[in-house]
């Protein structure tokens, strides 16, 4: 009787192991990607068929906030996410994870440049005396906005300020422009009330003002390198086959063409196509 029970136990354990093996194999061909709706989920949707051709069951999990995607990734609910730049990722990890490298960037995919928009002026050189210019009021984006205005010859900033510049660092203001500081998501909604608005690409898309775009940050700028949006993964999965396959189909001319055709310069790819 004991031998019979022992034999049945071995059979059950063997069946369980086979079952686990089958589930594991199935999991390897399932990839869950967390993404913001615009433009991230749209970019992933474009290459979803290519992942399916490689045998993957692809699930795009859309998020509307900036906290849940990293929490879901950290807790293993998704395989990767796509919505943020590296400084945000590193700050989130530092404040929420046990180790500073629990979540890491696997690749830089695109940049959402700040752009100068106007419904009143057709050229960025057409700056009337005393012009009002709306800019984001958060530290990083305001500095980027001021750098962009400087690049267009509208103001001059004190040397060496870079991405730490504030409007207090304006040393030359030949057009006597007034810098109007607003929350980043509010800036494009005030386009009719100011001469120019310096807005983030995603906020411009959401506010549907892209037709008024005059000029953007350069894709080779300091900001483009620093604030490129990334595919974030758990550290131990960075070199996994599914992440390699994802990047192989994502970092392609197909993605470049989709971004160029869809977003009219408000979103730009930053990777090199082999």
Protein backbone atom coordinates (compact mmCIF):
# COMPACT_ATOMS: atom_id res chain seq x y z
CA UNK A 1 0.00 0.00 0.00
CA UNK A 2 2.83 2.36 0.89
CA UNK A 3 4.49 1.58 -2.43
CA UNK A 4 1.24 2.34 -4.24
CA UNK A 5 0.85 5.68 -2.45
CA UNK A 6 4.50 6.51 -3.13
CA UNK A 7 4.03 5.67 -6.80
CA UNK A 8 0.92 7.81 -7.05
CA UNK A 9 2.74 10.67 -5.33
CA UNK A 10 5.60 10.49 -7.83
CA UNK A 11 3.13 10.45 -10.71
CA UNK A 12 1.32 13.48 -9.31
CA UNK A 13 4.55 15.37 -8.80
CA UNK A 14 5.69 14.50 -12.31
CA UNK A 15 2.38 15.68 -13.73
CA UNK A 16 2.64 18.90 -11.76
CA UNK A 17 6.15 19.52 -13.03
CA UNK A 18 5.08 18.90 -16.60
CA UNK A 19 2.18 21.27 -16.06
CA UNK A 20 4.48 23.94 -14.66
CA UNK A 21 6.82 23.49 -17.59
CA UNK A 22 3.98 23.98 -20.02
CA UNK A 23 2.82 27.13 -18.25
CA UNK A 24 6.35 28.51 -18.19
CA UNK A 25 6.73 27.92 -21.90
CA UNK A 26 3.43 29.64 -22.51
CA UNK A 27 4.48 32.60 -20.37
CA UNK A 28 7.65 32.99 -22.43
CA UNK A 29 5.53 33.72 -25.49
CA UNK A 30 3.27 36.21 -23.73
CA UNK A 31 4.38 39.81 -23.44
CA UNK A 32 2.48 42.43 -21.47
CA UNK A 33 3.47 46.01 -22.20
CA UNK A 34 2.26 48.91 -20.05
CA UNK A 35 1.95 52.18 -21.94
CA UNK A 36 0.42 55.64 -21.92
CA UNK A 37 -2.25 55.95 -24.58
CA UNK A 38 -0.66 58.69 -26.70
CA UNK A 39 1.76 58.18 -28.32
CA UNK A 40 3.21 55.11 -26.55
CA UNK A 41 0.40 52.58 -26.90
CA UNK A 42 -0.17 53.71 -30.48
CA UNK A 43 3.50 53.09 -31.33
CA UNK A 44 3.36 49.62 -29.77
CA UNK A 45 0.09 48.83 -31.56
CA UNK A 46 1.87 49.55 -34.85
CA UNK A 47 4.44 46.78 -34.27
CA UNK A 48 2.11 44.35 -32.48
CA UNK A 49 1.63 42.24 -35.65
CA UNK A 50 5.41 41.81 -35.92
CA UNK A 51 5.58 40.42 -32.38
CA UNK A 52 2.66 38.14 -33.16
CA UNK A 53 4.54 36.89 -36.22
CA UNK A 54 7.28 35.82 -33.78
CA UNK A 55 4.71 33.78 -31.88
CA UNK A 56 3.93 36.22 -29.07
CA UNK A 57 0.58 36.84 -27.48
CA UNK A 58 0.77 40.63 -27.03
CA UNK A 59 -1.23 42.53 -24.42
CA UNK A 60 -1.00 46.33 -24.31
CA UNK A 61 -2.04 47.57 -20.87
CA UNK A 62 -2.95 51.27 -21.07
CA UNK A 63 -2.32 53.59 -18.12
CA UNK A 64 -3.52 57.15 -17.58
CA UNK A 65 -1.21 58.04 -14.69
CA UNK A 66 2.55 58.02 -14.04
CA UNK A 67 2.64 55.85 -10.89
CA UNK A 68 0.81 52.62 -11.70
CA UNK A 69 2.93 51.59 -14.73
CA UNK A 70 6.12 51.35 -12.67
CA UNK A 71 4.32 49.73 -9.74
CA UNK A 72 2.85 47.11 -12.07
CA UNK A 73 6.27 46.46 -13.58
CA UNK A 74 7.97 46.21 -10.19
CA UNK A 75 5.35 43.74 -8.97
CA UNK A 76 5.65 41.58 -12.08
CA UNK A 77 2.19 42.29 -13.49
CA UNK A 78 3.66 43.43 -16.82
CA UNK A 79 6.91 42.63 -18.64
CA UNK A 80 7.90 46.20 -19.47
CA UNK A 81 6.47 49.68 -19.71
CA UNK A 82 6.75 52.58 -22.11
CA UNK A 83 5.71 56.04 -20.93
CA UNK A 84 8.62 57.80 -19.20
CA UNK A 85 12.13 59.17 -19.56
CA UNK A 86 15.13 57.96 -17.58
CA UNK A 87 15.23 60.78 -14.97
CA UNK A 88 11.64 60.03 -13.98
CA UNK A 89 12.32 56.29 -13.88
CA UNK A 90 15.40 56.72 -11.70
CA UNK A 91 13.57 59.04 -9.32
CA UNK A 92 10.64 56.61 -9.01
CA UNK A 93 12.96 53.68 -8.34
CA UNK A 94 14.92 55.62 -5.73
CA UNK A 95 11.73 56.35 -3.82
CA UNK A 96 9.87 53.07 -4.25
CA UNK A 97 12.28 50.15 -4.71
CA UNK A 98 14.72 48.27 -2.52
CA UNK A 99 17.62 48.79 -4.95
CA UNK A 100 18.45 51.70 -7.24
CA UNK A 101 18.59 49.40 -10.26
CA UNK A 102 15.51 47.21 -9.71
CA UNK A 103 13.94 48.82 -12.78
CA UNK A 104 16.17 49.95 -15.66
CA UNK A 105 15.89 51.43 -19.13
CA UNK A 106 16.36 48.84 -21.87
CA UNK A 107 16.35 51.31 -24.78
CA UNK A 108 15.58 54.91 -25.73
CA UNK A 109 12.79 55.00 -28.30
CA UNK A 110 11.44 58.49 -28.88
CA UNK A 111 11.59 62.08 -27.75
CA UNK A 112 8.63 64.39 -27.28
CA UNK A 113 10.24 67.77 -27.96
CA UNK A 114 9.03 71.01 -26.55
CA UNK A 115 7.70 73.14 -29.36
CA UNK A 116 6.86 76.78 -29.85
CA UNK A 117 3.24 77.16 -30.97
CA UNK A 118 1.26 80.22 -32.04
CA UNK A 119 -2.20 80.88 -33.43
CA UNK A 120 -1.36 84.58 -33.87
CA UNK A 121 2.03 84.51 -35.60
CA UNK A 122 3.17 82.44 -38.58
CA UNK A 123 6.89 82.62 -37.83
CA UNK A 124 8.87 82.39 -34.63
CA UNK A 125 10.84 85.49 -35.67
CA UNK A 126 7.65 87.56 -35.62
CA UNK A 127 7.93 88.60 -31.98
CA UNK A 128 6.11 91.81 -31.06
CA UNK A 129 7.46 94.02 -28.30
CA UNK A 130 6.06 92.88 -24.97
CA UNK A 131 4.93 89.49 -26.30
CA UNK A 132 3.50 87.06 -23.79
CA UNK A 133 5.03 83.58 -23.94
CA UNK A 134 3.52 80.74 -21.91
CA UNK A 135 5.96 78.11 -20.61
CA UNK A 136 5.64 75.06 -18.31
CA UNK A 137 6.23 75.99 -14.67
CA UNK A 138 7.96 72.77 -13.53
CA UNK A 139 11.71 73.10 -13.11
CA UNK A 140 12.93 70.85 -15.90
CA UNK A 141 10.46 71.81 -18.60
CA UNK A 142 10.74 75.53 -17.89
CA UNK A 143 14.50 75.33 -18.35
CA UNK A 144 13.99 73.46 -21.62
CA UNK A 145 11.48 76.10 -22.77
CA UNK A 146 13.88 78.94 -21.99
CA UNK A 147 16.71 77.14 -23.80
CA UNK A 148 14.45 76.79 -26.85
CA UNK A 149 13.56 80.49 -26.75
CA UNK A 150 17.25 81.32 -26.51
CA UNK A 151 18.02 79.10 -29.52
CA UNK A 152 15.53 81.19 -31.51
CA UNK A 153 17.18 84.46 -30.46
CA UNK A 154 14.22 85.64 -28.39
CA UNK A 155 16.11 85.82 -25.08
CA UNK A 156 19.62 85.23 -23.78
CA UNK A 157 20.32 83.25 -20.62
CA UNK A 158 23.25 83.46 -18.24
CA UNK A 159 26.03 81.09 -19.27
CA UNK A 160 26.24 77.61 -17.85
CA UNK A 161 22.67 77.30 -16.61
CA UNK A 162 21.64 74.54 -19.02
CA UNK A 163 18.67 72.52 -17.81
CA UNK A 164 18.63 74.39 -14.49
CA UNK A 165 17.75 77.78 -16.00
CA UNK A 166 14.84 79.87 -14.69
CA UNK A 167 13.41 83.13 -15.97
CA UNK A 168 15.57 84.88 -13.36
CA UNK A 169 18.55 83.82 -15.49
CA UNK A 170 17.42 85.88 -18.51
CA UNK A 171 20.20 88.45 -19.05
CA UNK A 172 19.03 89.85 -22.40
CA UNK A 173 15.41 90.40 -23.40
CA UNK A 174 15.40 92.53 -26.57
CA UNK A 175 11.67 92.04 -27.21
CA UNK A 176 10.67 92.67 -23.58
CA UNK A 177 8.79 89.38 -23.59
CA UNK A 178 6.74 88.38 -20.58
CA UNK A 179 7.27 84.77 -19.51
CA UNK A 180 3.95 83.35 -18.30
CA UNK A 181 4.48 80.27 -16.13
CA UNK A 182 1.68 77.67 -16.20
CA UNK A 183 1.25 73.97 -15.45
CA UNK A 184 2.58 72.00 -18.42
CA UNK A 185 -0.81 70.52 -19.31
CA UNK A 186 -2.45 73.97 -19.16
CA UNK A 187 0.02 75.74 -21.48
CA UNK A 188 -1.48 74.56 -24.82
CA UNK A 189 -5.01 75.37 -23.67
CA UNK A 190 -4.02 79.05 -23.35
CA UNK A 191 -2.73 79.35 -26.90
CA UNK A 192 -5.40 81.91 -27.90
CA UNK A 193 -4.52 84.13 -24.94
CA UNK A 194 -0.76 84.51 -25.53
CA UNK A 195 1.53 85.28 -28.44
CA UNK A 196 3.45 82.03 -28.18
CA UNK A 197 3.18 78.87 -26.08
CA UNK A 198 6.04 76.48 -25.41
CA UNK A 199 4.41 73.10 -24.90
CA UNK A 200 5.39 69.45 -24.46
CA UNK A 201 4.62 67.23 -27.45
CA UNK A 202 2.16 64.96 -25.65
CA UNK A 203 0.24 67.92 -24.22
CA UNK A 204 0.11 69.55 -27.64
CA UNK A 205 -1.28 66.33 -29.10
CA UNK A 206 -3.91 66.06 -26.40
CA UNK A 207 -4.93 69.71 -26.86
CA UNK A 208 -4.98 69.30 -30.66
CA UNK A 209 -2.80 72.33 -31.39
CA UNK A 210 -0.13 70.65 -33.51
CA UNK A 211 -1.20 72.62 -36.61
CA UNK A 212 0.20 75.72 -34.88
CA UNK A 213 3.68 74.29 -34.39
CA UNK A 214 6.46 76.65 -35.49
CA UNK A 215 9.68 75.03 -34.22
CA UNK A 216 10.80 72.32 -31.79
CA UNK A 217 13.82 71.30 -29.77
CA UNK A 218 16.44 69.57 -31.89
CA UNK A 219 16.52 65.75 -31.68
CA UNK A 220 20.27 65.97 -31.08
CA UNK A 221 19.92 68.45 -28.21
CA UNK A 222 20.92 67.89 -24.59
CA UNK A 223 17.24 67.61 -23.70
CA UNK A 224 16.60 64.96 -26.37
CA UNK A 225 19.27 62.71 -24.93
CA UNK A 226 18.25 63.32 -21.34
CA UNK A 227 14.49 63.05 -21.77
CA UNK A 228 14.03 60.40 -24.43
CA UNK A 229 11.19 58.03 -23.56
CA UNK A 230 12.37 54.50 -22.77
CA UNK A 231 11.30 50.90 -22.57
CA UNK A 232 11.67 50.12 -18.85
CA UNK A 233 12.13 46.57 -17.53
CA UNK A 234 13.05 44.72 -14.38
CA UNK A 235 16.83 44.44 -14.20
CA UNK A 236 16.83 40.65 -14.44
CA UNK A 237 14.74 40.76 -17.64
CA UNK A 238 16.81 43.30 -19.55
CA UNK A 239 18.56 40.63 -21.62
CA UNK A 240 15.60 38.24 -21.85
CA UNK A 241 14.58 36.92 -25.25
CA UNK A 242 11.18 38.60 -25.20
CA UNK A 243 12.69 42.03 -24.52
CA UNK A 244 15.28 41.46 -27.24
CA UNK A 245 12.52 40.51 -29.66
CA UNK A 246 10.46 43.54 -28.66
CA UNK A 247 13.34 45.90 -29.33
CA UNK A 248 14.21 44.13 -32.59
CA UNK A 249 10.78 44.90 -34.03
CA UNK A 250 10.43 48.29 -32.35
CA UNK A 251 13.75 49.86 -33.34
CA UNK A 252 13.04 49.66 -37.07
CA UNK A 253 12.32 51.90 -40.04
CA UNK A 254 8.67 50.87 -39.69
CA UNK A 255 8.51 52.64 -36.33
CA UNK A 256 10.38 55.68 -37.64
CA UNK A 257 7.94 55.98 -40.54
CA UNK A 258 4.92 55.55 -38.28
CA UNK A 259 6.14 58.27 -35.91
CA UNK A 260 6.97 60.66 -38.75
CA UNK A 261 3.68 60.08 -40.56
CA UNK A 262 1.50 60.21 -37.45
CA UNK A 263 2.89 62.96 -35.23
CA UNK A 264 4.23 65.66 -37.57
CA UNK A 265 7.40 66.38 -35.59
CA UNK A 266 5.69 66.45 -32.19
CA UNK A 267 7.21 63.02 -31.51
CA UNK A 268 10.58 62.00 -32.98
CA UNK A 269 12.45 58.71 -32.90
CA UNK A 270 15.91 58.72 -31.31
CA UNK A 271 17.29 55.25 -32.09
CA UNK A 272 19.49 54.30 -35.03
CA UNK A 273 18.07 51.88 -37.58
CA UNK A 274 20.54 49.18 -38.52
